[in-house]
């Protein structure tokens, strides 16, 4: 995942139901998952149909619909 990708949420939250669509506008480094040792990132999305215009999600909660070139 990278800035410019169109993504769908895999987790419901207040103001943004499951399957909401958004565009990645910012990426920040998160931390390391202790059990697996994997690094993860936090993405800021510009949401298309939610009350909140911008939301932040962990990469585990997102699925790429269309990748930017």
C-alpha atoms as a PDB file:
ATOM      1  CA  UNK A   1       0.000   0.000   0.000  1.00  0.00           C
ATOM      2  CA  UNK A   2       1.135   3.512  -0.775  1.00  0.00           C
ATOM      3  CA  UNK A   3      -0.140   7.075  -1.073  1.00  0.00           C
ATOM      4  CA  UNK A   4      -2.710   7.356  -3.861  1.00  0.00           C
ATOM      5  CA  UNK A   5      -4.138   3.837  -3.509  1.00  0.00           C
ATOM      6  CA  UNK A   6      -7.906   3.395  -3.281  1.00  0.00           C
ATOM      7  CA  UNK A   7      -8.726   1.130  -0.324  1.00  0.00           C
ATOM      8  CA  UNK A   8     -11.684  -0.476   1.438  1.00  0.00           C
ATOM      9  CA  UNK A   9     -11.939  -0.876   5.224  1.00  0.00           C
ATOM     10  CA  UNK A  10     -12.138  -4.369   6.719  1.00  0.00           C
ATOM     11  CA  UNK A  11     -13.276  -3.081  10.141  1.00  0.00           C
ATOM     12  CA  UNK A  12     -16.298  -1.036  11.141  1.00  0.00           C
ATOM     13  CA  UNK A  13     -15.866   2.024  13.353  1.00  0.00           C
ATOM     14  CA  UNK A  14     -18.047   4.906  14.522  1.00  0.00           C
ATOM     15  CA  UNK A  15     -18.930   7.042  11.511  1.00  0.00           C
ATOM     16  CA  UNK A  16     -17.253   4.660   9.034  1.00  0.00           C
ATOM     17  CA  UNK A  17     -19.050   1.338   8.403  1.00  0.00           C
ATOM     18  CA  UNK A  18     -17.395  -1.883   7.225  1.00  0.00           C
ATOM     19  CA  UNK A  19     -16.457  -1.632   3.539  1.00  0.00           C
ATOM     20  CA  UNK A  20     -16.104   2.159   3.453  1.00  0.00           C
ATOM     21  CA  UNK A  21     -13.950   3.419   0.579  1.00  0.00           C
ATOM     22  CA  UNK A  22     -11.144   5.932   0.919  1.00  0.00           C
ATOM     23  CA  UNK A  23      -7.996   7.273  -0.724  1.00  0.00           C
ATOM     24  CA  UNK A  24      -4.655   7.033   1.087  1.00  0.00           C
ATOM     25  CA  UNK A  25      -3.305  10.572   1.554  1.00  0.00           C
ATOM     26  CA  UNK A  26      -0.620  10.007   4.208  1.00  0.00           C
ATOM     27  CA  UNK A  27       1.478   7.155   5.592  1.00  0.00           C
ATOM     28  CA  UNK A  28       3.230   6.986   8.971  1.00  0.00           C
ATOM     29  CA  UNK A  29       5.442   4.299  10.425  1.00  0.00           C
ATOM     30  CA  UNK A  30       3.762   2.441  13.245  1.00  0.00           C
ATOM     31  CA  UNK A  31       5.635  -0.056  15.346  1.00  0.00           C
ATOM     32  CA  UNK A  32       6.471  -3.724  15.451  1.00  0.00           C
ATOM     33  CA  UNK A  33       3.987  -6.464  16.296  1.00  0.00           C
ATOM     34  CA  UNK A  34       5.737  -8.285  19.122  1.00  0.00           C
ATOM     35  CA  UNK A  35       4.467 -11.785  18.367  1.00  0.00           C
ATOM     36  CA  UNK A  36       5.402 -11.914  14.689  1.00  0.00           C
ATOM     37  CA  UNK A  37       8.085  -9.218  14.481  1.00  0.00           C
ATOM     38  CA  UNK A  38       6.366  -7.594  11.484  1.00  0.00           C
ATOM     39  CA  UNK A  39       6.552  -3.827  11.009  1.00  0.00           C
ATOM     40  CA  UNK A  40       3.245  -2.055  10.349  1.00  0.00           C
ATOM     41  CA  UNK A  41       2.141   1.364   9.148  1.00  0.00           C
ATOM     42  CA  UNK A  42      -0.698   3.779   9.877  1.00  0.00           C
ATOM     43  CA  UNK A  43      -2.529   5.292   6.915  1.00  0.00           C
ATOM     44  CA  UNK A  44      -4.626   8.470   6.801  1.00  0.00           C
ATOM     45  CA  UNK A  45      -7.562   8.105   4.421  1.00  0.00           C
ATOM     46  CA  UNK A  46      -9.704  10.699   2.700  1.00  0.00           C
ATOM     47  CA  UNK A  47     -13.095   9.005   3.033  1.00  0.00           C
ATOM     48  CA  UNK A  48     -15.712   9.171   0.279  1.00  0.00           C
ATOM     49  CA  UNK A  49     -19.038   8.542   2.017  1.00  0.00           C
ATOM     50  CA  UNK A  50     -18.505   8.934   5.760  1.00  0.00           C
ATOM     51  CA  UNK A  51     -19.239  11.760   8.155  1.00  0.00           C
ATOM     52  CA  UNK A  52     -15.584  12.044   9.101  1.00  0.00           C
ATOM     53  CA  UNK A  53     -13.609  13.327   6.121  1.00  0.00           C
ATOM     54  CA  UNK A  54     -10.267  11.859   7.249  1.00  0.00           C
ATOM     55  CA  UNK A  55      -9.684   8.681   9.261  1.00  0.00           C
ATOM     56  CA  UNK A  56      -6.575   6.784  10.348  1.00  0.00           C
ATOM     57  CA  UNK A  57      -6.275   3.003  10.000  1.00  0.00           C
ATOM     58  CA  UNK A  58      -3.660   0.339  10.581  1.00  0.00           C
ATOM     59  CA  UNK A  59      -2.647  -1.489   7.395  1.00  0.00           C
ATOM     60  CA  UNK A  60      -4.218  -4.686   8.763  1.00  0.00           C
ATOM     61  CA  UNK A  61      -7.651  -3.022   8.578  1.00  0.00           C
ATOM     62  CA  UNK A  62      -7.399  -2.063   4.886  1.00  0.00           C
ATOM     63  CA  UNK A  63      -7.726  -3.852   1.556  1.00  0.00           C
ATOM     64  CA  UNK A  64      -6.447  -2.323  -1.716  1.00  0.00           C
ATOM     65  CA  UNK A  65      -9.135  -1.867  -4.363  1.00  0.00           C
ATOM     66  CA  UNK A  66      -7.051  -0.037  -6.947  1.00  0.00           C
ATOM     67  CA  UNK A  67      -3.315   0.634  -6.696  1.00  0.00           C
ATOM     68  CA  UNK A  68      -1.822   3.842  -8.047  1.00  0.00           C
ATOM     69  CA  UNK A  69       0.931   3.550 -10.603  1.00  0.00           C
END
